[in-house]
Amino acid sequence: MKHTNAKFGWGTRTGKELSELNPKLELIKESSFWDEMKKYTLVGKIGSVLVKDLNNRLAVYRWQGR
């Protein structure tokens, strides 16, 4: 993709925003890269405070069938 002019403009800031777009999704939990890294490194602890929302997040959902 780096040799193209492609731009991605879709995304959500939180997992809750995605569940609002589709009512069949129930947000179970959400965490960030920094939440995990703070357990292991000083950089992770600092990052979890200063730039927590500037990284990818993992959201876990439950599908509310049919």
C-alpha atoms as a PDB file:
ATOM      1  CA  MET A   1       0.000   0.000   0.000  1.00  0.00           C
ATOM      2  CA  LYS A   2       2.920   2.393   0.558  1.00  0.00           C
ATOM      3  CA  HIS A   3       3.357   2.926  -3.195  1.00  0.00           C
ATOM      4  CA  THR A   4      -0.223   4.043  -3.702  1.00  0.00           C
ATOM      5  CA  ASN A   5      -2.143   7.116  -2.688  1.00  0.00           C
ATOM      6  CA  ALA A   6      -4.705   5.031  -0.798  1.00  0.00           C
ATOM      7  CA  LYS A   7      -6.195   6.661   2.276  1.00  0.00           C
ATOM      8  CA  PHE A   8      -8.286   4.923   4.871  1.00  0.00           C
ATOM      9  CA  GLY A   9     -10.854   7.148   6.506  1.00  0.00           C
ATOM     10  CA  TRP A  10     -13.000   4.621   8.331  1.00  0.00           C
ATOM     11  CA  GLY A  11     -12.620   3.678  11.938  1.00  0.00           C
ATOM     12  CA  THR A  12     -13.917   4.176  15.427  1.00  0.00           C
ATOM     13  CA  ARG A  13     -12.281   5.613  18.497  1.00  0.00           C
ATOM     14  CA  THR A  14     -13.842   3.090  20.859  1.00  0.00           C
ATOM     15  CA  GLY A  15     -15.396  -0.330  20.704  1.00  0.00           C
ATOM     16  CA  LYS A  16     -18.654   1.161  21.929  1.00  0.00           C
ATOM     17  CA  GLU A  17     -18.953   3.211  18.739  1.00  0.00           C
ATOM     18  CA  LEU A  18     -18.894   0.016  16.685  1.00  0.00           C
ATOM     19  CA  SER A  19     -21.560  -1.653  18.809  1.00  0.00           C
ATOM     20  CA  GLU A  20     -23.753   1.431  18.315  1.00  0.00           C
ATOM     21  CA  LEU A  21     -23.489   0.901  14.540  1.00  0.00           C
ATOM     22  CA  ASN A  22     -24.694  -2.700  14.859  1.00  0.00           C
ATOM     23  CA  PRO A  23     -27.073  -3.416  17.755  1.00  0.00           C
ATOM     24  CA  LYS A  24     -26.410  -7.165  17.476  1.00  0.00           C
ATOM     25  CA  LEU A  25     -22.879  -6.616  18.814  1.00  0.00           C
ATOM     26  CA  GLU A  26     -22.484  -6.508  22.578  1.00  0.00           C
ATOM     27  CA  LEU A  27     -19.151  -5.089  23.751  1.00  0.00           C
ATOM     28  CA  ILE A  28     -17.633  -7.436  26.343  1.00  0.00           C
ATOM     29  CA  LYS A  29     -14.291  -5.726  26.968  1.00  0.00           C
ATOM     30  CA  GLU A  30     -11.792  -3.408  25.342  1.00  0.00           C
ATOM     31  CA  SER A  31      -8.082  -2.924  25.951  1.00  0.00           C
ATOM     32  CA  SER A  32      -5.163  -1.211  24.300  1.00  0.00           C
ATOM     33  CA  PHE A  33      -1.630  -2.217  23.410  1.00  0.00           C
ATOM     34  CA  TRP A  34      -0.450   0.003  26.264  1.00  0.00           C
ATOM     35  CA  ASP A  35      -2.608  -1.825  28.816  1.00  0.00           C
ATOM     36  CA  GLU A  36      -0.582  -4.965  28.137  1.00  0.00           C
ATOM     37  CA  MET A  37       2.801  -3.273  27.810  1.00  0.00           C
ATOM     38  CA  LYS A  38       2.511  -1.493  31.160  1.00  0.00           C
ATOM     39  CA  LYS A  39       2.711  -4.892  32.838  1.00  0.00           C
ATOM     40  CA  TYR A  40       6.195  -5.534  31.463  1.00  0.00           C
ATOM     41  CA  THR A  41       8.170  -2.340  30.753  1.00  0.00           C
ATOM     42  CA  LEU A  42       8.759   1.174  32.024  1.00  0.00           C
ATOM     43  CA  VAL A  43       8.049   2.516  28.529  1.00  0.00           C
ATOM     44  CA  GLY A  44       4.707   0.699  28.676  1.00  0.00           C
ATOM     45  CA  LYS A  45       3.861   2.322  32.010  1.00  0.00           C
ATOM     46  CA  ILE A  46       4.683   5.778  30.673  1.00  0.00           C
ATOM     47  CA  GLY A  47       2.848   5.154  27.390  1.00  0.00           C
ATOM     48  CA  SER A  48      -0.255   3.913  29.182  1.00  0.00           C
ATOM     49  CA  VAL A  49      -0.550   7.310  30.856  1.00  0.00           C
ATOM     50  CA  LEU A  50       0.597   9.687  28.108  1.00  0.00           C
ATOM     51  CA  VAL A  51      -0.561   8.199  24.803  1.00  0.00           C
ATOM     52  CA  LYS A  52      -3.052   5.488  25.725  1.00  0.00           C
ATOM     53  CA  ASP A  53      -5.551   6.331  22.968  1.00  0.00           C
ATOM     54  CA  LEU A  54      -2.982   6.721  20.177  1.00  0.00           C
ATOM     55  CA  ASN A  55      -2.589   3.039  19.514  1.00  0.00           C
ATOM     56  CA  ASN A  56      -4.555   0.062  18.288  1.00  0.00           C
ATOM     57  CA  ARG A  57      -7.173  -1.384  20.569  1.00  0.00           C
ATOM     58  CA  LEU A  58      -8.573  -4.867  20.980  1.00  0.00           C
ATOM     59  CA  ALA A  59     -12.308  -5.166  21.470  1.00  0.00           C
ATOM     60  CA  VAL A  60     -14.152  -8.378  22.298  1.00  0.00           C
ATOM     61  CA  TYR A  61     -17.806  -8.649  21.287  1.00  0.00           C
ATOM     62  CA  ARG A  62     -20.664 -11.097  21.691  1.00  0.00           C
ATOM     63  CA  TRP A  63     -22.942 -11.575  18.683  1.00  0.00           C
ATOM     64  CA  GLN A  64     -26.602 -11.357  19.657  1.00  0.00           C
ATOM     65  CA  GLY A  65     -27.770 -13.826  16.993  1.00  0.00           C
ATOM     66  CA  ARG A  66     -30.475 -13.616  14.362  1.00  0.00           C
END
